[in-house]
Amino acid sequence: MTRVRLSVTERREELLRAAVEQIEARGVVAVRIADVASALGVSNALVLYHFSTKEKLVAAAFTYAAEDDLAQLRKLLGRRTTALRRLRAAVRWYAPTGQAKGWRLWIEGWAAALREPALREVTRDLDRQWKAALTEVIAEGVAAGEFACPDPTGTALRLTALLDGLAVQLTSYEGGVPRARAQEWVDEAVARELGLSREALTT
């Protein structure tokens, strides 16, 4: 079967998508250049032409996944509606009980980042951007009189810490925490941090 000739940009994106899938399936440590090449039916040399080492491929794959997540976050927070509705939509999407994909990928990334400086910078940058986006919408809600929150930055940090921790519990220890209970904890934390009632989150 003849493969369609792709541009450099298209080929890199194809390789990155395959790398993300292979990392999710095999883990950062176990995944090989050969796994990515085999998944696409291309040579190892082609993968190495675009990404000279496995470490560079893995870091680029996480960057690719991060950009996708951040684009969705910006879309949710950019809606023309109240700060509460935007924040609620973002938190419910990002939470491990929501529609965000790839929690296994990010847990793998956090673990590998302890030993890989390039990957550590990718995960740190995503974390920084996510907290900054939440801080901004919380501050907008405070300015509009929607929230009673004296420290938007601290609130964003505590909420993301809760969501990340629940993601580990739900992804790594299936059945340990019921998903409905985890969602209740998230709603309770958001309401408490913003000085709102639980009912305000659903109206």
N, C-alpha and C. Protein backbone atom coordinates (compact mmCIF):
# COMPACT_ATOMS: atom_id res chain seq x y z
N MET A 1 0.85 -1.20 0.00
CA MET A 1 0.00 0.00 0.00
C MET A 1 0.89 1.25 0.00
N THR A 2 0.65 2.16 -0.92
CA THR A 2 1.45 3.38 -1.04
C THR A 2 1.00 4.41 0.00
N ARG A 3 1.98 4.92 0.75
CA ARG A 3 1.65 5.94 1.76
C ARG A 3 1.55 7.31 1.11
N VAL A 4 0.62 8.11 1.60
CA VAL A 4 0.46 9.47 1.11
C VAL A 4 1.65 10.30 1.58
N ARG A 5 2.20 11.09 0.68
CA ARG A 5 3.34 11.95 1.03
C ARG A 5 2.83 13.13 1.85
N LEU A 6 3.36 13.28 3.04
CA LEU A 6 2.93 14.35 3.94
C LEU A 6 3.97 15.46 4.00
N SER A 7 3.51 16.66 4.31
CA SER A 7 4.45 17.75 4.54
C SER A 7 5.19 17.49 5.85
N VAL A 8 6.25 18.23 6.08
CA VAL A 8 7.03 18.06 7.31
C VAL A 8 6.14 18.27 8.54
N THR A 9 5.32 19.32 8.49
CA THR A 9 4.43 19.62 9.62
C THR A 9 3.42 18.50 9.84
N GLU A 10 2.83 18.01 8.76
CA GLU A 10 1.85 16.93 8.87
C GLU A 10 2.50 15.65 9.39
N ARG A 11 3.71 15.36 8.92
CA ARG A 11 4.39 14.15 9.37
C ARG A 11 4.72 14.24 10.86
N ARG A 12 5.22 15.39 11.28
CA ARG A 12 5.54 15.56 12.71
C ARG A 12 4.30 15.37 13.57
N GLU A 13 3.18 15.94 13.12
CA GLU A 13 1.95 15.80 13.90
C GLU A 13 1.50 14.34 13.96
N GLU A 14 1.64 13.64 12.84
CA GLU A 14 1.28 12.22 12.81
C GLU A 14 2.15 11.44 13.80
N LEU A 15 3.44 11.72 13.80
CA LEU A 15 4.36 11.04 14.71
C LEU A 15 4.06 11.37 16.16
N LEU A 16 3.71 12.62 16.43
CA LEU A 16 3.41 13.02 17.80
C LEU A 16 2.13 12.36 18.31
N ARG A 17 1.11 12.29 17.45
CA ARG A 17 -0.13 11.61 17.85
C ARG A 17 0.15 10.14 18.18
N ALA A 18 0.95 9.50 17.34
CA ALA A 18 1.29 8.10 17.58
C ALA A 18 2.11 7.95 18.86
N ALA A 19 3.01 8.89 19.11
CA ALA A 19 3.83 8.83 20.32
C ALA A 19 2.97 8.95 21.57
N VAL A 20 2.01 9.87 21.55
CA VAL A 20 1.10 10.04 22.68
C VAL A 20 0.35 8.74 22.94
N GLU A 21 -0.16 8.12 21.89
CA GLU A 21 -0.90 6.86 22.03
C GLU A 21 -0.01 5.75 22.59
N GLN A 22 1.22 5.68 22.13
CA GLN A 22 2.13 4.64 22.59
C GLN A 22 2.57 4.87 24.03
N ILE A 23 2.75 6.13 24.41
CA ILE A 23 3.11 6.44 25.80
C ILE A 23 1.97 6.06 26.73
N GLU A 24 0.72 6.38 26.32
CA GLU A 24 -0.44 6.02 27.13
C GLU A 24 -0.55 4.50 27.28
N ALA A 25 -0.23 3.78 26.23
CA ALA A 25 -0.37 2.32 26.25
C ALA A 25 0.79 1.62 26.97
N ARG A 26 2.02 2.12 26.81
CA ARG A 26 3.19 1.41 27.29
C ARG A 26 3.89 2.08 28.46
N GLY A 27 3.69 3.40 28.61
CA GLY A 27 4.42 4.14 29.63
C GLY A 27 5.66 4.79 29.07
N VAL A 28 6.11 5.84 29.70
CA VAL A 28 7.26 6.61 29.22
C VAL A 28 8.53 5.77 29.19
N VAL A 29 8.76 5.01 30.25
CA VAL A 29 10.00 4.24 30.35
C VAL A 29 10.06 3.14 29.30
N ALA A 30 8.95 2.45 29.09
CA ALA A 30 8.95 1.28 28.20
C ALA A 30 8.84 1.63 26.71
N VAL A 31 8.27 2.77 26.39
CA VAL A 31 8.04 3.09 24.98
C VAL A 31 9.36 3.25 24.24
N ARG A 32 9.37 2.79 22.98
CA ARG A 32 10.58 2.85 22.15
C ARG A 32 10.28 3.58 20.84
N ILE A 33 11.33 4.07 20.23
CA ILE A 33 11.19 4.65 18.89
C ILE A 33 10.53 3.65 17.96
N ALA A 34 10.92 2.39 18.10
CA ALA A 34 10.38 1.33 17.24
C ALA A 34 8.88 1.17 17.41
N ASP A 35 8.36 1.41 18.61
CA ASP A 35 6.91 1.28 18.84
C ASP A 35 6.15 2.33 18.04
N VAL A 36 6.66 3.54 18.04
CA VAL A 36 6.01 4.63 17.31
C VAL A 36 6.09 4.37 15.81
N ALA A 37 7.26 3.95 15.35
CA ALA A 37 7.44 3.66 13.93
C ALA A 37 6.52 2.53 13.48
N SER A 38 6.45 1.47 14.28
CA SER A 38 5.62 0.32 13.94
C SER A 38 4.15 0.67 13.89
N ALA A 39 3.71 1.53 14.80
CA ALA A 39 2.29 1.92 14.84
C ALA A 39 1.87 2.62 13.55
N LEU A 40 2.82 3.28 12.90
CA LEU A 40 2.51 4.02 11.67
C LEU A 40 2.99 3.30 10.41
N GLY A 41 3.70 2.21 10.59
CA GLY A 41 4.23 1.50 9.43
C GLY A 41 5.34 2.25 8.73
N VAL A 42 6.16 2.97 9.51
CA VAL A 42 7.30 3.71 8.95
C VAL A 42 8.58 3.18 9.58
N SER A 43 9.71 3.66 9.10
CA SER A 43 10.99 3.21 9.62
C SER A 43 11.39 3.97 10.88
N ASN A 44 12.26 3.33 11.68
CA ASN A 44 12.83 4.02 12.84
C ASN A 44 13.58 5.28 12.40
N ALA A 45 14.23 5.17 11.26
CA ALA A 45 15.03 6.30 10.76
C ALA A 45 14.17 7.52 10.50
N LEU A 46 12.94 7.31 10.04
CA LEU A 46 12.06 8.45 9.78
C LEU A 46 11.72 9.17 11.08
N VAL A 47 11.43 8.38 12.14
CA VAL A 47 11.13 8.99 13.44
C VAL A 47 12.35 9.76 13.94
N LEU A 48 13.52 9.15 13.81
CA LEU A 48 14.75 9.79 14.29
C LEU A 48 15.14 11.01 13.45
N TYR A 49 14.70 11.06 12.19
CA TYR A 49 14.95 12.23 11.36
C TYR A 49 14.25 13.45 11.95
N HIS A 50 13.03 13.25 12.45
CA HIS A 50 12.25 14.36 13.00
C HIS A 50 12.56 14.62 14.48
N PHE A 51 12.91 13.55 15.21
CA PHE A 51 13.19 13.66 16.65
C PHE A 51 14.44 12.81 16.90
N SER A 52 15.56 13.44 17.09
CA SER A 52 16.83 12.73 17.07
C SER A 52 17.03 11.73 18.21
N THR A 53 16.27 11.86 19.29
CA THR A 53 16.37 10.91 20.41
C THR A 53 14.97 10.61 20.94
N LYS A 54 14.89 9.52 21.68
CA LYS A 54 13.62 9.18 22.32
C LYS A 54 13.20 10.28 23.29
N GLU A 55 14.16 10.83 24.03
CA GLU A 55 13.86 11.88 25.01
C GLU A 55 13.22 13.10 24.35
N LYS A 56 13.74 13.48 23.18
CA LYS A 56 13.18 14.62 22.46
C LYS A 56 11.78 14.31 21.92
N LEU A 57 11.59 13.08 21.47
CA LEU A 57 10.27 12.67 20.99
C LEU A 57 9.25 12.71 22.12
N VAL A 58 9.62 12.18 23.27
CA VAL A 58 8.70 12.14 24.42
C VAL A 58 8.36 13.56 24.87
N ALA A 59 9.36 14.43 24.98
CA ALA A 59 9.10 15.81 25.40
C ALA A 59 8.19 16.51 24.40
N ALA A 60 8.42 16.29 23.12
CA ALA A 60 7.59 16.92 22.09
C ALA A 60 6.17 16.36 22.12
N ALA A 61 6.03 15.06 22.41
CA ALA A 61 4.70 14.45 22.50
C ALA A 61 3.90 15.05 23.65
N PHE A 62 4.54 15.27 24.77
CA PHE A 62 3.84 15.88 25.91
C PHE A 62 3.50 17.33 25.62
N THR A 63 4.39 18.04 24.93
CA THR A 63 4.08 19.41 24.53
C THR A 63 2.87 19.45 23.63
N TYR A 64 2.80 18.52 22.69
CA TYR A 64 1.67 18.41 21.76
C TYR A 64 0.38 18.16 22.54
N ALA A 65 0.41 17.22 23.48
CA ALA A 65 -0.78 16.93 24.28
C ALA A 65 -1.17 18.13 25.15
N ALA A 66 -0.18 18.82 25.69
CA ALA A 66 -0.44 19.98 26.54
C ALA A 66 -1.11 21.09 25.75
N GLU A 67 -0.64 21.32 24.53
CA GLU A 67 -1.22 22.38 23.70
C GLU A 67 -2.68 22.09 23.39
N ASP A 68 -3.00 20.82 23.19
CA ASP A 68 -4.38 20.43 22.94
C ASP A 68 -5.25 20.70 24.16
N ASP A 69 -4.75 20.33 25.34
CA ASP A 69 -5.49 20.58 26.58
C ASP A 69 -5.68 22.08 26.82
N LEU A 70 -4.62 22.85 26.59
CA LEU A 70 -4.70 24.29 26.83
C LEU A 70 -5.65 24.97 25.85
N ALA A 71 -5.69 24.49 24.62
CA ALA A 71 -6.63 25.06 23.64
C ALA A 71 -8.07 24.85 24.10
N GLN A 72 -8.37 23.66 24.64
CA GLN A 72 -9.71 23.39 25.15
C GLN A 72 -10.01 24.27 26.36
N LEU A 73 -9.01 24.44 27.23
CA LEU A 73 -9.20 25.29 28.41
C LEU A 73 -9.50 26.73 28.00
N ARG A 74 -8.74 27.26 27.04
CA ARG A 74 -8.97 28.63 26.58
C ARG A 74 -10.36 28.78 25.96
N LYS A 75 -10.80 27.76 25.25
CA LYS A 75 -12.13 27.78 24.65
C LYS A 75 -13.20 27.88 25.72
N LEU A 76 -13.08 27.10 26.78
CA LEU A 76 -14.07 27.11 27.87
C LEU A 76 -14.05 28.44 28.62
N LEU A 77 -12.86 28.96 28.88
CA LEU A 77 -12.76 30.19 29.66
C LEU A 77 -13.02 31.43 28.81
N GLY A 78 -13.02 31.29 27.49
CA GLY A 78 -13.25 32.44 26.61
C GLY A 78 -14.71 32.66 26.26
N ARG A 79 -15.61 31.85 26.78
CA ARG A 79 -17.02 32.00 26.47
C ARG A 79 -17.56 33.32 27.01
N ARG A 80 -18.60 33.82 26.35
CA ARG A 80 -19.22 35.08 26.80
C ARG A 80 -20.33 34.75 27.79
N THR A 81 -19.93 34.53 29.03
CA THR A 81 -20.89 34.23 30.08
C THR A 81 -20.24 34.61 31.41
N THR A 82 -20.88 34.29 32.51
CA THR A 82 -20.37 34.69 33.82
C THR A 82 -19.07 33.96 34.15
N ALA A 83 -18.32 34.55 35.06
CA ALA A 83 -17.08 33.91 35.51
C ALA A 83 -17.39 32.57 36.17
N LEU A 84 -18.50 32.49 36.89
CA LEU A 84 -18.86 31.24 37.55
C LEU A 84 -19.10 30.13 36.54
N ARG A 85 -19.86 30.43 35.50
CA ARG A 85 -20.14 29.40 34.50
C ARG A 85 -18.88 28.96 33.77
N ARG A 86 -18.01 29.91 33.48
CA ARG A 86 -16.76 29.56 32.80
C ARG A 86 -15.86 28.71 33.69
N LEU A 87 -15.74 29.11 34.96
CA LEU A 87 -14.90 28.36 35.89
C LEU A 87 -15.47 26.96 36.12
N ARG A 88 -16.78 26.89 36.31
CA ARG A 88 -17.43 25.60 36.55
C ARG A 88 -17.22 24.67 35.35
N ALA A 89 -17.37 25.19 34.14
CA ALA A 89 -17.17 24.37 32.94
C ALA A 89 -15.74 23.87 32.84
N ALA A 90 -14.77 24.75 33.14
CA ALA A 90 -13.37 24.36 33.06
C ALA A 90 -13.02 23.30 34.09
N VAL A 91 -13.49 23.49 35.32
CA VAL A 91 -13.18 22.54 36.39
C VAL A 91 -13.82 21.19 36.10
N ARG A 92 -15.06 21.20 35.65
CA ARG A 92 -15.75 19.93 35.39
C ARG A 92 -15.16 19.20 34.19
N TRP A 93 -14.64 19.94 33.23
CA TRP A 93 -13.97 19.30 32.09
C TRP A 93 -12.64 18.71 32.54
N TYR A 94 -11.87 19.46 33.31
CA TYR A 94 -10.52 19.07 33.71
C TYR A 94 -10.53 17.96 34.76
N ALA A 95 -11.54 17.96 35.62
CA ALA A 95 -11.59 16.99 36.71
C ALA A 95 -11.56 15.57 36.16
N PRO A 96 -11.00 14.63 36.93
CA PRO A 96 -10.93 13.25 36.45
C PRO A 96 -12.29 12.59 36.26
N THR A 97 -13.36 13.25 36.71
CA THR A 97 -14.71 12.74 36.47
C THR A 97 -15.32 13.36 35.21
N GLY A 98 -14.59 14.26 34.56
CA GLY A 98 -15.12 14.95 33.38
C GLY A 98 -14.68 14.33 32.08
N GLN A 99 -14.63 15.15 31.01
CA GLN A 99 -14.36 14.64 29.67
C GLN A 99 -12.91 14.78 29.23
N ALA A 100 -12.07 15.37 30.06
CA ALA A 100 -10.67 15.51 29.70
C ALA A 100 -10.04 14.13 29.52
N LYS A 101 -9.23 13.99 28.49
CA LYS A 101 -8.59 12.71 28.20
C LYS A 101 -7.15 12.70 28.71
N GLY A 102 -6.60 11.50 28.79
CA GLY A 102 -5.16 11.40 28.98
C GLY A 102 -4.64 11.54 30.38
N TRP A 103 -5.47 11.28 31.41
CA TRP A 103 -4.92 11.39 32.76
C TRP A 103 -3.79 10.40 32.97
N ARG A 104 -3.89 9.20 32.40
CA ARG A 104 -2.81 8.22 32.52
C ARG A 104 -1.52 8.78 31.91
N LEU A 105 -1.66 9.49 30.80
CA LEU A 105 -0.50 10.11 30.15
C LEU A 105 0.17 11.09 31.09
N TRP A 106 -0.62 11.96 31.74
CA TRP A 106 -0.02 12.99 32.59
C TRP A 106 0.57 12.41 33.87
N ILE A 107 -0.04 11.37 34.39
CA ILE A 107 0.55 10.73 35.58
C ILE A 107 1.90 10.11 35.20
N GLU A 108 1.95 9.48 34.04
CA GLU A 108 3.22 8.96 33.52
C GLU A 108 4.24 10.09 33.38
N GLY A 109 3.77 11.22 32.86
CA GLY A 109 4.66 12.36 32.64
C GLY A 109 5.22 12.92 33.93
N TRP A 110 4.37 13.05 34.94
CA TRP A 110 4.84 13.56 36.23
C TRP A 110 5.93 12.66 36.81
N ALA A 111 5.73 11.35 36.72
CA ALA A 111 6.71 10.42 37.26
C ALA A 111 8.04 10.52 36.49
N ALA A 112 7.95 10.50 35.16
CA ALA A 112 9.17 10.55 34.35
C ALA A 112 9.89 11.89 34.49
N ALA A 113 9.13 12.96 34.74
CA ALA A 113 9.72 14.30 34.84
C ALA A 113 10.69 14.43 36.02
N LEU A 114 10.58 13.53 36.98
CA LEU A 114 11.52 13.56 38.11
C LEU A 114 12.95 13.32 37.65
N ARG A 115 13.10 12.63 36.49
CA ARG A 115 14.44 12.28 36.00
C ARG A 115 14.77 12.92 34.65
N GLU A 116 13.77 13.51 34.00
CA GLU A 116 13.98 14.06 32.66
C GLU A 116 13.76 15.58 32.68
N PRO A 117 14.82 16.39 32.65
CA PRO A 117 14.68 17.85 32.72
C PRO A 117 13.79 18.44 31.63
N ALA A 118 13.90 17.95 30.39
CA ALA A 118 13.09 18.50 29.30
C ALA A 118 11.62 18.25 29.54
N LEU A 119 11.29 17.06 30.00
CA LEU A 119 9.90 16.72 30.28
C LEU A 119 9.39 17.48 31.50
N ARG A 120 10.27 17.67 32.47
CA ARG A 120 9.89 18.43 33.66
C ARG A 120 9.48 19.85 33.29
N GLU A 121 10.19 20.45 32.35
CA GLU A 121 9.85 21.81 31.92
C GLU A 121 8.51 21.85 31.21
N VAL A 122 8.20 20.82 30.42
CA VAL A 122 6.91 20.76 29.72
C VAL A 122 5.77 20.67 30.73
N THR A 123 5.88 19.74 31.68
CA THR A 123 4.79 19.56 32.65
C THR A 123 4.67 20.78 33.56
N ARG A 124 5.80 21.38 33.91
CA ARG A 124 5.77 22.58 34.75
C ARG A 124 5.09 23.74 34.03
N ASP A 125 5.38 23.88 32.72
CA ASP A 125 4.78 24.96 31.95
C ASP A 125 3.27 24.78 31.82
N LEU A 126 2.83 23.55 31.58
CA LEU A 126 1.39 23.30 31.52
C LEU A 126 0.73 23.63 32.85
N ASP A 127 1.34 23.20 33.93
CA ASP A 127 0.80 23.48 35.26
C ASP A 127 0.71 24.98 35.52
N ARG A 128 1.75 25.70 35.10
CA ARG A 128 1.80 27.15 35.29
C ARG A 128 0.68 27.83 34.52
N GLN A 129 0.50 27.42 33.25
CA GLN A 129 -0.52 28.05 32.42
C GLN A 129 -1.94 27.73 32.91
N TRP A 130 -2.15 26.50 33.35
CA TRP A 130 -3.46 26.10 33.87
C TRP A 130 -3.81 26.93 35.11
N LYS A 131 -2.87 27.04 36.05
CA LYS A 131 -3.12 27.82 37.28
C LYS A 131 -3.34 29.30 36.96
N ALA A 132 -2.58 29.83 36.01
CA ALA A 132 -2.73 31.24 35.63
C ALA A 132 -4.11 31.50 35.03
N ALA A 133 -4.58 30.58 34.20
CA ALA A 133 -5.90 30.74 33.58
C ALA A 133 -7.01 30.70 34.62
N LEU A 134 -6.91 29.77 35.57
CA LEU A 134 -7.92 29.70 36.64
C LEU A 134 -7.86 30.94 37.52
N THR A 135 -6.65 31.38 37.84
CA THR A 135 -6.49 32.58 38.67
C THR A 135 -7.16 33.78 38.02
N GLU A 136 -6.98 33.90 36.71
CA GLU A 136 -7.54 35.04 35.99
C GLU A 136 -9.07 35.05 36.03
N VAL A 137 -9.70 33.91 35.79
CA VAL A 137 -11.17 33.88 35.78
C VAL A 137 -11.73 34.05 37.20
N ILE A 138 -11.02 33.54 38.19
CA ILE A 138 -11.46 33.73 39.58
C ILE A 138 -11.37 35.21 39.94
N ALA A 139 -10.27 35.86 39.55
CA ALA A 139 -10.12 37.30 39.82
C ALA A 139 -11.20 38.11 39.12
N GLU A 140 -11.57 37.70 37.89
CA GLU A 140 -12.66 38.38 37.19
C GLU A 140 -13.97 38.23 37.95
N GLY A 141 -14.22 37.04 38.50
CA GLY A 141 -15.43 36.82 39.28
C GLY A 141 -15.46 37.66 40.54
N VAL A 142 -14.31 37.82 41.18
CA VAL A 142 -14.22 38.67 42.38
C VAL A 142 -14.52 40.11 42.01
N ALA A 143 -13.91 40.60 40.93
CA ALA A 143 -14.11 41.98 40.49
C ALA A 143 -15.56 42.24 40.12
N ALA A 144 -16.25 41.22 39.60
CA ALA A 144 -17.66 41.38 39.20
C ALA A 144 -18.62 41.17 40.37
N GLY A 145 -18.09 40.84 41.54
CA GLY A 145 -18.94 40.61 42.70
C GLY A 145 -19.58 39.23 42.73
N GLU A 146 -19.12 38.33 41.88
CA GLU A 146 -19.68 36.97 41.86
C GLU A 146 -19.10 36.10 42.97
N PHE A 147 -17.81 36.29 43.28
CA PHE A 147 -17.13 35.45 44.25
C PHE A 147 -16.65 36.28 45.44
N ALA A 148 -16.56 35.64 46.59
CA ALA A 148 -15.91 36.22 47.75
C ALA A 148 -14.65 35.40 47.99
N CYS A 149 -13.57 35.83 47.36
CA CYS A 149 -12.33 35.05 47.38
C CYS A 149 -11.15 36.01 47.55
N PRO A 150 -10.54 36.05 48.73
CA PRO A 150 -9.47 37.02 48.97
C PRO A 150 -8.14 36.68 48.28
N ASP A 151 -7.98 35.44 47.84
CA ASP A 151 -6.69 35.02 47.28
C ASP A 151 -6.92 34.13 46.06
N PRO A 152 -7.20 34.71 44.87
CA PRO A 152 -7.43 33.90 43.67
C PRO A 152 -6.28 32.97 43.32
N THR A 153 -5.05 33.42 43.53
CA THR A 153 -3.89 32.58 43.21
C THR A 153 -3.86 31.34 44.10
N GLY A 154 -4.07 31.53 45.39
CA GLY A 154 -4.09 30.42 46.32
C GLY A 154 -5.24 29.47 46.04
N THR A 155 -6.39 30.04 45.67
CA THR A 155 -7.54 29.20 45.34
C THR A 155 -7.26 28.34 44.13
N ALA A 156 -6.67 28.92 43.09
CA ALA A 156 -6.34 28.15 41.88
C ALA A 156 -5.37 27.03 42.21
N LEU A 157 -4.40 27.29 43.07
CA LEU A 157 -3.42 26.26 43.44
C LEU A 157 -4.10 25.13 44.20
N ARG A 158 -4.96 25.48 45.17
CA ARG A 158 -5.61 24.43 45.96
C ARG A 158 -6.56 23.59 45.12
N LEU A 159 -7.29 24.22 44.21
CA LEU A 159 -8.23 23.48 43.37
C LEU A 159 -7.50 22.53 42.42
N THR A 160 -6.42 22.99 41.81
CA THR A 160 -5.68 22.12 40.90
C THR A 160 -5.01 20.98 41.67
N ALA A 161 -4.54 21.26 42.88
CA ALA A 161 -3.95 20.19 43.70
C ALA A 161 -4.99 19.12 44.00
N LEU A 162 -6.21 19.53 44.31
CA LEU A 162 -7.28 18.56 44.58
C LEU A 162 -7.59 17.75 43.32
N LEU A 163 -7.74 18.42 42.18
CA LEU A 163 -8.07 17.73 40.94
C LEU A 163 -6.96 16.75 40.54
N ASP A 164 -5.71 17.18 40.66
CA ASP A 164 -4.60 16.30 40.31
C ASP A 164 -4.56 15.08 41.24
N GLY A 165 -4.78 15.32 42.52
CA GLY A 165 -4.77 14.22 43.48
C GLY A 165 -5.89 13.22 43.22
N LEU A 166 -7.07 13.73 42.93
CA LEU A 166 -8.19 12.83 42.62
C LEU A 166 -7.93 12.06 41.33
N ALA A 167 -7.25 12.71 40.38
CA ALA A 167 -6.92 12.03 39.13
C ALA A 167 -6.04 10.81 39.40
N VAL A 168 -5.07 10.97 40.28
CA VAL A 168 -4.21 9.84 40.63
C VAL A 168 -5.03 8.73 41.28
N GLN A 169 -5.90 9.09 42.21
CA GLN A 169 -6.72 8.09 42.89
C GLN A 169 -7.63 7.34 41.92
N LEU A 170 -8.31 8.07 41.06
CA LEU A 170 -9.27 7.45 40.15
C LEU A 170 -8.61 6.67 39.01
N THR A 171 -7.42 7.13 38.60
CA THR A 171 -6.73 6.48 37.49
C THR A 171 -5.89 5.30 37.96
N SER A 172 -5.19 5.47 39.06
CA SER A 172 -4.26 4.44 39.52
C SER A 172 -4.92 3.38 40.40
N TYR A 173 -5.98 3.77 41.11
CA TYR A 173 -6.62 2.86 42.06
C TYR A 173 -8.11 2.77 41.75
N GLU A 174 -8.42 2.12 40.64
CA GLU A 174 -9.80 2.05 40.17
C GLU A 174 -10.71 1.47 41.24
N GLY A 175 -11.80 2.17 41.52
CA GLY A 175 -12.75 1.71 42.52
C GLY A 175 -12.46 2.22 43.92
N GLY A 176 -11.28 2.83 44.13
CA GLY A 176 -10.94 3.32 45.47
C GLY A 176 -11.81 4.47 45.92
N VAL A 177 -12.12 5.37 44.99
CA VAL A 177 -13.00 6.52 45.27
C VAL A 177 -14.12 6.51 44.24
N PRO A 178 -15.38 6.41 44.65
CA PRO A 178 -16.49 6.46 43.68
C PRO A 178 -16.46 7.79 42.93
N ARG A 179 -16.71 7.75 41.63
CA ARG A 179 -16.64 8.95 40.81
C ARG A 179 -17.65 10.00 41.27
N ALA A 180 -18.84 9.56 41.69
CA ALA A 180 -19.85 10.50 42.16
C ALA A 180 -19.37 11.22 43.41
N ARG A 181 -18.69 10.48 44.29
CA ARG A 181 -18.18 11.09 45.52
C ARG A 181 -17.07 12.09 45.19
N ALA A 182 -16.22 11.74 44.25
CA ALA A 182 -15.15 12.65 43.85
C ALA A 182 -15.73 13.95 43.30
N GLN A 183 -16.80 13.86 42.50
CA GLN A 183 -17.44 15.06 41.97
C GLN A 183 -18.02 15.91 43.09
N GLU A 184 -18.59 15.27 44.10
CA GLU A 184 -19.11 16.01 45.25
C GLU A 184 -17.99 16.77 45.95
N TRP A 185 -16.86 16.13 46.13
CA TRP A 185 -15.73 16.80 46.78
C TRP A 185 -15.26 18.00 45.97
N VAL A 186 -15.22 17.85 44.67
CA VAL A 186 -14.81 18.96 43.81
C VAL A 186 -15.79 20.12 43.94
N ASP A 187 -17.09 19.83 43.85
CA ASP A 187 -18.11 20.89 43.97
C ASP A 187 -18.03 21.57 45.33
N GLU A 188 -17.86 20.78 46.38
CA GLU A 188 -17.76 21.36 47.73
C GLU A 188 -16.54 22.27 47.85
N ALA A 189 -15.43 21.85 47.27
CA ALA A 189 -14.21 22.66 47.35
C ALA A 189 -14.36 23.96 46.56
N VAL A 190 -14.93 23.89 45.37
CA VAL A 190 -15.14 25.10 44.56
C VAL A 190 -16.05 26.08 45.29
N ALA A 191 -17.15 25.58 45.81
CA ALA A 191 -18.10 26.44 46.52
C ALA A 191 -17.44 27.09 47.74
N ARG A 192 -16.72 26.31 48.51
CA ARG A 192 -16.06 26.82 49.71
C ARG A 192 -15.03 27.88 49.36
N GLU A 193 -14.22 27.62 48.34
CA GLU A 193 -13.17 28.56 47.95
C GLU A 193 -13.73 29.89 47.43
N LEU A 194 -14.90 29.84 46.80
CA LEU A 194 -15.47 31.04 46.18
C LEU A 194 -16.49 31.73 47.07
N GLY A 195 -16.74 31.17 48.25
CA GLY A 195 -17.72 31.77 49.16
C GLY A 195 -19.14 31.62 48.64
N LEU A 196 -19.42 30.47 48.00
CA LEU A 196 -20.75 30.23 47.42
C LEU A 196 -21.39 29.02 48.07
N SER A 197 -22.68 28.86 47.84
CA SER A 197 -23.36 27.66 48.27
C SER A 197 -23.21 26.59 47.19
N ARG A 198 -23.36 25.31 47.57
CA ARG A 198 -23.29 24.23 46.58
C ARG A 198 -24.36 24.44 45.50
N GLU A 199 -25.54 24.93 45.91
CA GLU A 199 -26.64 25.11 44.98
C GLU A 199 -26.28 26.13 43.89
N ALA A 200 -25.44 27.11 44.24
CA ALA A 200 -25.07 28.13 43.26
C ALA A 200 -24.29 27.56 42.09
N LEU A 201 -23.66 26.41 42.30
CA LEU A 201 -22.86 25.80 41.24
C LEU A 201 -23.73 25.11 40.20
N THR A 202 -24.98 24.84 40.52
CA THR A 202 -25.83 24.10 39.60
C THR A 202 -26.97 24.93 39.03
N THR A 203 -27.07 26.18 39.45
CA THR A 203 -28.16 27.03 38.94
C THR A 203 -27.70 27.77 37.69
